[in-house]
Amino acid sequence: MKKRMRALVLLAVLPLAVSGAPDARITNEERSKALKWLEESRQEFLSAIEGVSEPQWKWKPAPERWSVGEVAEHIVIAEASQFANVQKAIRSAPNPAWEDQTKGKTERLEAVLAPRLGRVQAPEAIVPKGGMTLAQVRERFERQRVEMVTFARETDAPLKQYTIDNPFFGTLNAYHWLIYAPLHTMRHDKQIAEVKATAGYPK
């Protein structure tokens, strides 16, 4: 009888424990923010490269600085890598410590990336080689974005429990990698504007 009572108590308490666990799925607000950033950064980037001539595309403010074309190439290569990390993360085992390890990271990404705060060296894998034309960049960018927007709109995966480390921000979850792409692009849209505003930029 006592064993049966203990079992009933355990069954009664168990749903409370489960219900108290954090939900790893993104909220409607988070989904809306991701889609908004994806659309805003898309329009901003396409506007930034629209009408750029070949001399403007290749012009560099200094030997060690990137041209408009190199910044644009970096953007499409980086977005491919960032979305690949989303997909890689959700194929991995859930991180039981995801909540503690990623706390506050959404706000940090938003505060640092888009406003272009701080300067860092890009990892070698996403350093541009200067070999893409404007048409190639636009086509690849649009193709990648269709896939990203579709995923952001439709996914119901518990994105927050899947994590991959970032060299600058430490542990990020799959949602963070999803929003990293548009925020990173907005960061470099500002860099394109800086190149265009530099004395000597071809007219």
N, C-alpha and C. Protein backbone atom coordinates (compact mmCIF):
# COMPACT_ATOMS: atom_id res chain seq x y z
N MET A 1 0.83 -1.21 0.00
CA MET A 1 0.00 0.00 0.00
C MET A 1 0.86 1.26 0.00
N LYS A 2 1.91 1.25 0.87
CA LYS A 2 2.79 2.41 0.94
C LYS A 2 3.51 2.63 -0.39
N LYS A 3 3.95 1.51 -1.03
CA LYS A 3 4.64 1.62 -2.32
C LYS A 3 3.71 2.22 -3.37
N ARG A 4 2.45 1.81 -3.31
CA ARG A 4 1.48 2.33 -4.28
C ARG A 4 1.26 3.82 -4.08
N MET A 5 1.18 4.25 -2.82
CA MET A 5 0.99 5.66 -2.51
C MET A 5 2.18 6.49 -2.99
N ARG A 6 3.41 5.97 -2.77
CA ARG A 6 4.61 6.69 -3.23
C ARG A 6 4.61 6.83 -4.75
N ALA A 7 4.15 5.77 -5.43
CA ALA A 7 4.09 5.81 -6.90
C ALA A 7 3.09 6.85 -7.37
N LEU A 8 1.95 6.96 -6.69
CA LEU A 8 0.93 7.93 -7.06
C LEU A 8 1.44 9.36 -6.84
N VAL A 9 2.14 9.56 -5.73
CA VAL A 9 2.70 10.88 -5.44
C VAL A 9 3.72 11.26 -6.50
N LEU A 10 4.56 10.30 -6.89
CA LEU A 10 5.57 10.55 -7.91
C LEU A 10 4.93 10.93 -9.23
N LEU A 11 3.89 10.22 -9.61
CA LEU A 11 3.18 10.51 -10.86
C LEU A 11 2.53 11.88 -10.81
N ALA A 12 2.08 12.29 -9.64
CA ALA A 12 1.43 13.60 -9.50
C ALA A 12 2.44 14.73 -9.61
N VAL A 13 3.65 14.50 -9.10
CA VAL A 13 4.67 15.54 -9.08
C VAL A 13 5.38 15.65 -10.43
N LEU A 14 5.52 14.53 -11.13
CA LEU A 14 6.28 14.50 -12.37
C LEU A 14 5.82 15.52 -13.40
N PRO A 15 4.51 15.66 -13.68
CA PRO A 15 4.08 16.67 -14.65
C PRO A 15 4.49 18.08 -14.26
N LEU A 16 4.53 18.35 -12.94
CA LEU A 16 4.93 19.69 -12.50
C LEU A 16 6.39 19.94 -12.83
N ALA A 17 7.21 18.91 -12.64
CA ALA A 17 8.63 19.07 -12.94
C ALA A 17 8.85 19.28 -14.41
N VAL A 18 8.12 18.50 -15.22
CA VAL A 18 8.27 18.62 -16.67
C VAL A 18 7.78 19.97 -17.15
N SER A 19 6.62 20.40 -16.59
CA SER A 19 6.06 21.66 -17.04
C SER A 19 6.95 22.84 -16.69
N GLY A 20 7.81 22.67 -15.67
CA GLY A 20 8.70 23.74 -15.28
C GLY A 20 9.94 23.85 -16.14
N ALA A 21 10.17 22.88 -17.02
CA ALA A 21 11.34 22.91 -17.89
C ALA A 21 11.20 24.02 -18.92
N PRO A 22 12.29 24.72 -19.27
CA PRO A 22 12.20 25.79 -20.25
C PRO A 22 11.86 25.26 -21.64
N ASP A 23 11.08 25.99 -22.38
CA ASP A 23 10.70 25.59 -23.74
C ASP A 23 11.80 26.00 -24.70
N ALA A 24 12.34 25.03 -25.41
CA ALA A 24 13.45 25.31 -26.33
C ALA A 24 12.99 25.77 -27.70
N ARG A 25 11.68 25.79 -27.91
CA ARG A 25 11.19 26.29 -29.20
C ARG A 25 11.17 27.82 -29.20
N ILE A 26 11.29 28.41 -30.39
CA ILE A 26 11.27 29.87 -30.46
C ILE A 26 9.83 30.37 -30.29
N THR A 27 9.71 31.55 -29.71
CA THR A 27 8.39 32.16 -29.52
C THR A 27 7.93 32.82 -30.81
N ASN A 28 6.67 33.19 -30.85
CA ASN A 28 6.15 33.91 -32.02
C ASN A 28 6.89 35.23 -32.22
N GLU A 29 7.21 35.87 -31.10
CA GLU A 29 7.94 37.14 -31.17
C GLU A 29 9.34 36.93 -31.76
N GLU A 30 10.01 35.88 -31.33
CA GLU A 30 11.35 35.59 -31.85
C GLU A 30 11.30 35.25 -33.34
N ARG A 31 10.31 34.50 -33.74
CA ARG A 31 10.16 34.18 -35.16
C ARG A 31 9.92 35.45 -35.97
N SER A 32 9.06 36.31 -35.47
CA SER A 32 8.76 37.57 -36.17
C SER A 32 10.00 38.44 -36.30
N LYS A 33 10.81 38.50 -35.24
CA LYS A 33 12.04 39.29 -35.29
C LYS A 33 13.01 38.73 -36.32
N ALA A 34 13.14 37.42 -36.36
CA ALA A 34 14.05 36.79 -37.33
C ALA A 34 13.60 37.10 -38.75
N LEU A 35 12.31 36.98 -39.01
CA LEU A 35 11.79 37.25 -40.36
C LEU A 35 11.93 38.73 -40.71
N LYS A 36 11.73 39.60 -39.72
CA LYS A 36 11.88 41.04 -39.97
C LYS A 36 13.33 41.37 -40.32
N TRP A 37 14.27 40.83 -39.56
CA TRP A 37 15.68 41.09 -39.83
C TRP A 37 16.11 40.51 -41.18
N LEU A 38 15.58 39.36 -41.51
CA LEU A 38 15.91 38.75 -42.81
C LEU A 38 15.42 39.64 -43.96
N GLU A 39 14.23 40.18 -43.83
CA GLU A 39 13.70 41.02 -44.91
C GLU A 39 14.38 42.38 -44.95
N GLU A 40 14.58 42.99 -43.79
CA GLU A 40 15.23 44.30 -43.76
C GLU A 40 16.66 44.23 -44.30
N SER A 41 17.39 43.21 -43.89
CA SER A 41 18.77 43.09 -44.35
C SER A 41 18.84 42.74 -45.84
N ARG A 42 17.86 41.99 -46.31
CA ARG A 42 17.80 41.67 -47.74
C ARG A 42 17.64 42.94 -48.57
N GLN A 43 16.66 43.75 -48.21
CA GLN A 43 16.41 44.99 -48.94
C GLN A 43 17.62 45.92 -48.86
N GLU A 44 18.21 46.00 -47.69
CA GLU A 44 19.36 46.88 -47.47
C GLU A 44 20.56 46.46 -48.33
N PHE A 45 20.84 45.16 -48.35
CA PHE A 45 21.99 44.65 -49.10
C PHE A 45 21.79 44.82 -50.61
N LEU A 46 20.61 44.44 -51.11
CA LEU A 46 20.36 44.56 -52.54
C LEU A 46 20.41 46.03 -52.99
N SER A 47 19.93 46.92 -52.13
CA SER A 47 20.00 48.35 -52.44
C SER A 47 21.45 48.82 -52.45
N ALA A 48 22.27 48.28 -51.54
CA ALA A 48 23.68 48.70 -51.43
C ALA A 48 24.49 48.33 -52.66
N ILE A 49 24.16 47.20 -53.30
CA ILE A 49 24.95 46.78 -54.47
C ILE A 49 24.28 47.15 -55.80
N GLU A 50 23.06 47.65 -55.75
CA GLU A 50 22.34 48.02 -56.97
C GLU A 50 23.06 49.13 -57.71
N GLY A 51 23.29 48.93 -59.00
CA GLY A 51 23.87 49.97 -59.84
C GLY A 51 25.36 50.18 -59.67
N VAL A 52 26.02 49.33 -58.89
CA VAL A 52 27.47 49.47 -58.70
C VAL A 52 28.18 49.03 -59.99
N SER A 53 29.02 49.91 -60.52
CA SER A 53 29.74 49.60 -61.76
C SER A 53 30.91 48.66 -61.47
N GLU A 54 31.50 48.10 -62.51
CA GLU A 54 32.63 47.19 -62.31
C GLU A 54 33.82 47.90 -61.66
N PRO A 55 34.17 49.15 -62.08
CA PRO A 55 35.26 49.84 -61.37
C PRO A 55 34.94 50.08 -59.90
N GLN A 56 33.69 50.43 -59.59
CA GLN A 56 33.28 50.64 -58.20
C GLN A 56 33.32 49.32 -57.42
N TRP A 57 32.91 48.25 -58.06
CA TRP A 57 32.88 46.92 -57.44
C TRP A 57 34.28 46.48 -56.99
N LYS A 58 35.27 46.84 -57.78
CA LYS A 58 36.64 46.36 -57.53
C LYS A 58 37.53 47.36 -56.79
N TRP A 59 37.06 48.61 -56.65
CA TRP A 59 37.90 49.65 -56.04
C TRP A 59 38.10 49.41 -54.54
N LYS A 60 39.35 49.53 -54.08
CA LYS A 60 39.68 49.34 -52.67
C LYS A 60 40.15 50.66 -52.07
N PRO A 61 39.64 51.03 -50.90
CA PRO A 61 40.08 52.27 -50.24
C PRO A 61 41.56 52.26 -49.87
N ALA A 62 42.09 51.06 -49.64
CA ALA A 62 43.51 50.87 -49.31
C ALA A 62 43.84 49.42 -49.61
N PRO A 63 45.12 49.10 -49.82
CA PRO A 63 45.48 47.73 -50.18
C PRO A 63 44.98 46.67 -49.20
N GLU A 64 44.93 47.02 -47.92
CA GLU A 64 44.52 46.04 -46.91
C GLU A 64 43.02 46.03 -46.63
N ARG A 65 42.28 46.93 -47.27
CA ARG A 65 40.84 47.01 -47.04
C ARG A 65 40.06 46.37 -48.18
N TRP A 66 38.84 45.97 -47.89
CA TRP A 66 38.02 45.28 -48.89
C TRP A 66 37.29 46.26 -49.80
N SER A 67 37.10 45.84 -51.03
CA SER A 67 36.27 46.59 -51.99
C SER A 67 34.80 46.29 -51.72
N VAL A 68 33.91 47.00 -52.40
CA VAL A 68 32.47 46.71 -52.29
C VAL A 68 32.22 45.25 -52.69
N GLY A 69 32.86 44.83 -53.78
CA GLY A 69 32.68 43.46 -54.24
C GLY A 69 33.17 42.42 -53.24
N GLU A 70 34.26 42.72 -52.57
CA GLU A 70 34.79 41.77 -51.57
C GLU A 70 33.89 41.72 -50.34
N VAL A 71 33.37 42.84 -49.92
CA VAL A 71 32.43 42.85 -48.78
C VAL A 71 31.19 42.04 -49.14
N ALA A 72 30.68 42.26 -50.36
CA ALA A 72 29.48 41.54 -50.80
C ALA A 72 29.74 40.04 -50.88
N GLU A 73 30.91 39.67 -51.39
CA GLU A 73 31.26 38.25 -51.47
C GLU A 73 31.36 37.65 -50.06
N HIS A 74 31.96 38.39 -49.15
CA HIS A 74 32.06 37.94 -47.76
C HIS A 74 30.67 37.69 -47.18
N ILE A 75 29.74 38.56 -47.47
CA ILE A 75 28.38 38.43 -46.95
C ILE A 75 27.75 37.12 -47.39
N VAL A 76 27.81 36.79 -48.68
CA VAL A 76 27.14 35.58 -49.15
C VAL A 76 27.85 34.32 -48.66
N ILE A 77 29.18 34.36 -48.58
CA ILE A 77 29.92 33.21 -48.05
C ILE A 77 29.60 33.02 -46.57
N ALA A 78 29.57 34.12 -45.83
CA ALA A 78 29.29 34.05 -44.39
C ALA A 78 27.88 33.55 -44.12
N GLU A 79 26.90 34.03 -44.89
CA GLU A 79 25.53 33.60 -44.67
C GLU A 79 25.38 32.10 -44.91
N ALA A 80 26.06 31.59 -45.92
CA ALA A 80 26.02 30.15 -46.19
C ALA A 80 26.57 29.38 -45.00
N SER A 81 27.67 29.87 -44.44
CA SER A 81 28.30 29.22 -43.29
C SER A 81 27.41 29.31 -42.05
N GLN A 82 26.80 30.46 -41.83
CA GLN A 82 25.96 30.64 -40.66
C GLN A 82 24.71 29.77 -40.71
N PHE A 83 24.08 29.67 -41.89
CA PHE A 83 22.90 28.82 -41.99
C PHE A 83 23.29 27.34 -41.93
N ALA A 84 24.47 27.00 -42.44
CA ALA A 84 24.97 25.63 -42.31
C ALA A 84 25.11 25.26 -40.84
N ASN A 85 25.49 26.23 -40.01
CA ASN A 85 25.61 25.96 -38.58
C ASN A 85 24.25 25.74 -37.92
N VAL A 86 23.23 26.40 -38.43
CA VAL A 86 21.86 26.13 -37.95
C VAL A 86 21.54 24.66 -38.20
N GLN A 87 21.77 24.22 -39.42
CA GLN A 87 21.43 22.85 -39.80
C GLN A 87 22.31 21.82 -39.08
N LYS A 88 23.57 22.17 -38.92
CA LYS A 88 24.50 21.28 -38.21
C LYS A 88 24.09 21.15 -36.74
N ALA A 89 23.68 22.27 -36.16
CA ALA A 89 23.30 22.27 -34.74
C ALA A 89 22.10 21.35 -34.50
N ILE A 90 21.07 21.47 -35.33
CA ILE A 90 19.85 20.69 -35.07
C ILE A 90 20.01 19.21 -35.40
N ARG A 91 21.13 18.86 -36.04
CA ARG A 91 21.43 17.44 -36.25
C ARG A 91 22.28 16.86 -35.11
N SER A 92 22.69 17.72 -34.20
CA SER A 92 23.52 17.29 -33.08
C SER A 92 22.66 16.92 -31.88
N ALA A 93 23.31 16.37 -30.86
CA ALA A 93 22.59 16.04 -29.63
C ALA A 93 22.23 17.32 -28.88
N PRO A 94 21.07 17.36 -28.23
CA PRO A 94 20.70 18.54 -27.44
C PRO A 94 21.72 18.83 -26.35
N ASN A 95 21.92 20.11 -26.09
CA ASN A 95 22.83 20.54 -25.03
C ASN A 95 22.01 20.74 -23.75
N PRO A 96 22.21 19.91 -22.75
CA PRO A 96 21.40 20.03 -21.53
C PRO A 96 21.63 21.34 -20.77
N ALA A 97 22.75 22.00 -21.05
CA ALA A 97 23.06 23.27 -20.36
C ALA A 97 22.77 24.47 -21.26
N TRP A 98 21.94 24.29 -22.27
CA TRP A 98 21.75 25.36 -23.26
C TRP A 98 21.25 26.66 -22.65
N GLU A 99 20.37 26.56 -21.68
CA GLU A 99 19.77 27.79 -21.13
C GLU A 99 20.82 28.66 -20.44
N ASP A 100 21.64 28.04 -19.61
CA ASP A 100 22.69 28.79 -18.90
C ASP A 100 23.77 29.29 -19.85
N GLN A 101 24.15 28.47 -20.81
CA GLN A 101 25.27 28.80 -21.69
C GLN A 101 24.92 29.85 -22.75
N THR A 102 23.63 30.02 -23.03
CA THR A 102 23.24 30.97 -24.09
C THR A 102 22.44 32.15 -23.55
N LYS A 103 22.30 32.25 -22.25
CA LYS A 103 21.51 33.34 -21.65
C LYS A 103 22.08 34.71 -22.04
N GLY A 104 21.20 35.58 -22.51
CA GLY A 104 21.59 36.94 -22.85
C GLY A 104 22.26 37.09 -24.20
N LYS A 105 22.47 36.00 -24.92
CA LYS A 105 23.20 36.07 -26.18
C LYS A 105 22.39 36.76 -27.29
N THR A 106 21.07 36.60 -27.29
CA THR A 106 20.26 37.26 -28.32
C THR A 106 20.45 38.77 -28.24
N GLU A 107 20.35 39.31 -27.04
CA GLU A 107 20.50 40.75 -26.84
C GLU A 107 21.92 41.21 -27.20
N ARG A 108 22.90 40.37 -26.88
CA ARG A 108 24.29 40.73 -27.18
C ARG A 108 24.54 40.76 -28.69
N LEU A 109 24.02 39.78 -29.40
CA LEU A 109 24.18 39.76 -30.86
C LEU A 109 23.53 40.99 -31.48
N GLU A 110 22.33 41.30 -31.03
CA GLU A 110 21.61 42.45 -31.56
C GLU A 110 22.35 43.76 -31.29
N ALA A 111 22.96 43.86 -30.11
CA ALA A 111 23.65 45.09 -29.72
C ALA A 111 24.97 45.29 -30.44
N VAL A 112 25.67 44.18 -30.76
CA VAL A 112 27.02 44.28 -31.30
C VAL A 112 27.08 44.17 -32.82
N LEU A 113 26.32 43.23 -33.39
CA LEU A 113 26.49 42.94 -34.81
C LEU A 113 26.00 44.05 -35.73
N ALA A 114 24.71 44.30 -35.73
CA ALA A 114 24.14 45.26 -36.69
C ALA A 114 24.72 46.67 -36.57
N PRO A 115 24.95 47.18 -35.35
CA PRO A 115 25.52 48.54 -35.25
C PRO A 115 26.99 48.65 -35.68
N ARG A 116 27.60 47.50 -36.01
CA ARG A 116 29.02 47.46 -36.42
C ARG A 116 29.94 47.97 -35.30
N LEU A 117 29.71 47.47 -34.10
CA LEU A 117 30.58 47.80 -32.97
C LEU A 117 31.78 46.87 -32.97
N GLY A 118 32.96 47.43 -32.81
CA GLY A 118 34.17 46.62 -32.76
C GLY A 118 34.55 46.10 -34.14
N ARG A 119 35.81 45.81 -34.32
CA ARG A 119 36.32 45.26 -35.57
C ARG A 119 37.05 43.97 -35.26
N VAL A 120 36.77 42.94 -36.02
CA VAL A 120 37.42 41.65 -35.81
C VAL A 120 37.93 41.11 -37.15
N GLN A 121 38.87 40.19 -37.07
CA GLN A 121 39.40 39.56 -38.27
C GLN A 121 38.49 38.40 -38.65
N ALA A 122 38.03 38.39 -39.90
CA ALA A 122 37.15 37.31 -40.35
C ALA A 122 37.91 35.99 -40.41
N PRO A 123 37.29 34.88 -40.02
CA PRO A 123 37.93 33.57 -40.17
C PRO A 123 38.31 33.33 -41.63
N GLU A 124 39.39 32.63 -41.85
CA GLU A 124 39.92 32.42 -43.20
C GLU A 124 38.89 31.84 -44.16
N ALA A 125 38.03 30.97 -43.65
CA ALA A 125 37.04 30.30 -44.51
C ALA A 125 36.06 31.26 -45.16
N ILE A 126 35.86 32.42 -44.56
CA ILE A 126 34.89 33.37 -45.13
C ILE A 126 35.54 34.68 -45.57
N VAL A 127 36.87 34.65 -45.74
CA VAL A 127 37.57 35.80 -46.31
C VAL A 127 37.36 35.78 -47.83
N PRO A 128 36.90 36.89 -48.42
CA PRO A 128 36.63 36.90 -49.87
C PRO A 128 37.90 36.80 -50.71
N LYS A 129 37.75 36.18 -51.87
CA LYS A 129 38.88 36.05 -52.80
C LYS A 129 38.80 37.05 -53.95
N GLY A 130 37.68 37.79 -54.01
CA GLY A 130 37.53 38.79 -55.07
C GLY A 130 37.19 38.20 -56.42
N GLY A 131 36.60 37.01 -56.43
CA GLY A 131 36.33 36.36 -57.70
C GLY A 131 34.88 36.33 -58.14
N MET A 132 33.98 36.97 -57.39
CA MET A 132 32.56 36.93 -57.74
C MET A 132 32.11 38.25 -58.35
N THR A 133 31.31 38.15 -59.40
CA THR A 133 30.73 39.34 -60.01
C THR A 133 29.49 39.76 -59.23
N LEU A 134 29.01 40.96 -59.53
CA LEU A 134 27.80 41.44 -58.86
C LEU A 134 26.63 40.49 -59.15
N ALA A 135 26.49 40.05 -60.40
CA ALA A 135 25.39 39.16 -60.77
C ALA A 135 25.47 37.84 -60.01
N GLN A 136 26.67 37.30 -59.85
CA GLN A 136 26.85 36.05 -59.13
C GLN A 136 26.52 36.21 -57.66
N VAL A 137 26.93 37.33 -57.07
CA VAL A 137 26.63 37.59 -55.66
C VAL A 137 25.12 37.70 -55.46
N ARG A 138 24.46 38.48 -56.32
CA ARG A 138 23.02 38.67 -56.17
C ARG A 138 22.27 37.34 -56.30
N GLU A 139 22.63 36.54 -57.29
CA GLU A 139 21.94 35.27 -57.51
C GLU A 139 22.11 34.34 -56.33
N ARG A 140 23.34 34.24 -55.83
CA ARG A 140 23.59 33.33 -54.70
C ARG A 140 22.92 33.84 -53.44
N PHE A 141 22.96 35.14 -53.22
CA PHE A 141 22.34 35.73 -52.03
C PHE A 141 20.83 35.44 -52.02
N GLU A 142 20.17 35.69 -53.13
CA GLU A 142 18.72 35.48 -53.22
C GLU A 142 18.36 34.00 -53.04
N ARG A 143 19.14 33.13 -53.62
CA ARG A 143 18.89 31.69 -53.52
C ARG A 143 19.03 31.22 -52.07
N GLN A 144 20.07 31.66 -51.40
CA GLN A 144 20.27 31.28 -50.00
C GLN A 144 19.19 31.84 -49.11
N ARG A 145 18.77 33.06 -49.38
CA ARG A 145 17.77 33.70 -48.54
C ARG A 145 16.41 33.02 -48.63
N VAL A 146 16.05 32.51 -49.80
CA VAL A 146 14.78 31.80 -49.92
C VAL A 146 14.76 30.62 -48.96
N GLU A 147 15.85 29.88 -48.90
CA GLU A 147 15.95 28.72 -48.01
C GLU A 147 15.89 29.15 -46.55
N MET A 148 16.58 30.23 -46.21
CA MET A 148 16.61 30.69 -44.83
C MET A 148 15.26 31.20 -44.36
N VAL A 149 14.60 31.97 -45.22
CA VAL A 149 13.29 32.52 -44.85
C VAL A 149 12.26 31.40 -44.70
N THR A 150 12.30 30.44 -45.60
CA THR A 150 11.38 29.30 -45.51
C THR A 150 11.58 28.56 -44.20
N PHE A 151 12.82 28.33 -43.85
CA PHE A 151 13.13 27.65 -42.58
C PHE A 151 12.62 28.47 -41.40
N ALA A 152 12.93 29.76 -41.38
CA ALA A 152 12.52 30.62 -40.26
C ALA A 152 11.01 30.67 -40.11
N ARG A 153 10.31 30.64 -41.22
CA ARG A 153 8.85 30.73 -41.18
C ARG A 153 8.20 29.41 -40.74
N GLU A 154 8.80 28.28 -41.10
CA GLU A 154 8.11 27.00 -40.93
C GLU A 154 8.62 26.12 -39.79
N THR A 155 9.86 26.33 -39.34
CA THR A 155 10.42 25.38 -38.37
C THR A 155 9.67 25.38 -37.04
N ASP A 156 9.53 24.18 -36.50
CA ASP A 156 8.98 24.03 -35.15
C ASP A 156 9.97 23.26 -34.28
N ALA A 157 11.21 23.16 -34.77
CA ALA A 157 12.25 22.45 -34.01
C ALA A 157 12.61 23.23 -32.75
N PRO A 158 12.98 22.55 -31.69
CA PRO A 158 13.41 23.23 -30.46
C PRO A 158 14.82 23.80 -30.64
N LEU A 159 14.92 24.88 -31.39
CA LEU A 159 16.21 25.42 -31.83
C LEU A 159 17.15 25.77 -30.69
N LYS A 160 16.60 26.18 -29.57
CA LYS A 160 17.44 26.71 -28.49
C LYS A 160 18.25 25.63 -27.77
N GLN A 161 17.85 24.38 -27.88
CA GLN A 161 18.58 23.34 -27.15
C GLN A 161 19.75 22.77 -27.95
N TYR A 162 19.88 23.22 -29.20
CA TYR A 162 20.98 22.76 -30.04
C TYR A 162 22.01 23.88 -30.17
N THR A 163 23.25 23.59 -29.87
CA THR A 163 24.26 24.65 -29.81
C THR A 163 25.53 24.31 -30.60
N ILE A 164 26.19 25.37 -31.06
CA ILE A 164 27.51 25.29 -31.69
C ILE A 164 28.27 26.54 -31.23
N ASP A 165 29.54 26.38 -30.93
CA ASP A 165 30.33 27.51 -30.46
C ASP A 165 30.68 28.48 -31.60
N ASN A 166 30.77 29.74 -31.24
CA ASN A 166 31.17 30.81 -32.14
C ASN A 166 32.49 31.39 -31.63
N PRO A 167 33.45 31.70 -32.52
CA PRO A 167 34.75 32.17 -32.05
C PRO A 167 34.72 33.51 -31.31
N PHE A 168 33.66 34.30 -31.52
CA PHE A 168 33.58 35.62 -30.90
C PHE A 168 32.60 35.68 -29.72
N PHE A 169 31.53 34.88 -29.79
CA PHE A 169 30.46 34.98 -28.80
C PHE A 169 30.30 33.72 -27.94
N GLY A 170 31.15 32.75 -28.14
CA GLY A 170 31.04 31.52 -27.36
C GLY A 170 29.89 30.66 -27.82
N THR A 171 29.22 30.00 -26.89
CA THR A 171 28.14 29.07 -27.23
C THR A 171 26.91 29.82 -27.75
N LEU A 172 26.49 29.46 -28.95
CA LEU A 172 25.26 30.01 -29.55
C LEU A 172 24.33 28.86 -29.91
N ASN A 173 23.03 29.11 -29.77
CA ASN A 173 22.09 28.07 -30.17
C ASN A 173 21.67 28.25 -31.62
N ALA A 174 20.88 27.32 -32.13
CA ALA A 174 20.51 27.34 -33.54
C ALA A 174 19.72 28.60 -33.90
N TYR A 175 18.91 29.11 -32.98
CA TYR A 175 18.20 30.36 -33.24
C TYR A 175 19.17 31.51 -33.38
N HIS A 176 20.18 31.53 -32.53
CA HIS A 176 21.19 32.59 -32.62
C HIS A 176 21.90 32.56 -33.97
N TRP A 177 22.24 31.36 -34.45
CA TRP A 177 22.89 31.27 -35.75
C TRP A 177 21.97 31.72 -36.87
N LEU A 178 20.66 31.50 -36.69
CA LEU A 178 19.70 31.94 -37.71
C LEU A 178 19.64 33.47 -37.78
N ILE A 179 19.63 34.15 -36.64
CA ILE A 179 19.57 35.61 -36.66
C ILE A 179 20.94 36.24 -36.88
N TYR A 180 21.98 35.47 -36.65
CA TYR A 180 23.35 35.96 -36.87
C TYR A 180 23.51 36.41 -38.32
N ALA A 181 22.94 35.65 -39.25
CA ALA A 181 23.10 35.95 -40.67
C ALA A 181 22.59 37.34 -41.05
N PRO A 182 21.33 37.68 -40.80
CA PRO A 182 20.88 39.02 -41.18
C PRO A 182 21.55 40.13 -40.39
N LEU A 183 21.83 39.91 -39.11
CA LEU A 183 22.49 40.95 -38.31
C LEU A 183 23.92 41.19 -38.81
N HIS A 184 24.61 40.12 -39.16
CA HIS A 184 25.96 40.22 -39.72
C HIS A 184 25.93 40.94 -41.06
N THR A 185 24.92 40.66 -41.87
CA THR A 185 24.79 41.32 -43.17
C THR A 185 24.55 42.81 -43.00
N MET A 186 23.69 43.19 -42.05
CA MET A 186 23.45 44.61 -41.80
C MET A 186 24.73 45.31 -41.34
N ARG A 187 25.55 44.59 -40.58
CA ARG A 187 26.84 45.11 -40.15
C ARG A 187 27.71 45.47 -41.36
N HIS A 188 27.75 44.58 -42.33
CA HIS A 188 28.61 44.80 -43.49
C HIS A 188 27.97 45.70 -44.56
N ASP A 189 26.65 45.86 -44.51
CA ASP A 189 26.03 46.88 -45.35
C ASP A 189 26.59 48.25 -44.99
N LYS A 190 26.84 48.46 -43.72
CA LYS A 190 27.44 49.72 -43.26
C LYS A 190 28.87 49.85 -43.78
N GLN A 191 29.56 48.73 -43.88
CA GLN A 191 30.92 48.75 -44.41
C GLN A 191 30.91 49.14 -45.89
N ILE A 192 29.93 48.64 -46.64
CA ILE A 192 29.81 49.02 -48.05
C ILE A 192 29.58 50.52 -48.16
N ALA A 193 28.73 51.06 -47.29
CA ALA A 193 28.48 52.50 -47.30
C ALA A 193 29.75 53.28 -46.99
N GLU A 194 30.58 52.75 -46.08
CA GLU A 194 31.85 53.40 -45.75
C GLU A 194 32.78 53.44 -46.94
N VAL A 195 32.85 52.34 -47.69
CA VAL A 195 33.69 52.30 -48.89
C VAL A 195 33.21 53.33 -49.90
N LYS A 196 31.92 53.40 -50.11
CA LYS A 196 31.37 54.34 -51.08
C LYS A 196 31.62 55.79 -50.68
N ALA A 197 31.70 56.04 -49.38
CA ALA A 197 31.89 57.41 -48.89
C ALA A 197 33.36 57.81 -48.82
N THR A 198 34.26 56.90 -49.14
CA THR A 198 35.69 57.17 -49.05
C THR A 198 36.16 58.00 -50.27
N ALA A 199 37.01 58.98 -50.01
CA ALA A 199 37.54 59.80 -51.10
C ALA A 199 38.25 58.91 -52.12
N GLY A 200 37.95 59.16 -53.39
CA GLY A 200 38.56 58.37 -54.45
C GLY A 200 37.67 57.29 -55.01
N TYR A 201 36.54 57.04 -54.35
CA TYR A 201 35.60 56.04 -54.85
C TYR A 201 35.13 56.46 -56.24
N PRO A 202 35.23 55.56 -57.24
CA PRO A 202 34.87 55.93 -58.62
C PRO A 202 33.44 56.43 -58.74
N LYS A 203 33.27 57.43 -59.57
CA LYS A 203 31.94 58.00 -59.82
C LYS A 203 31.30 57.35 -61.05
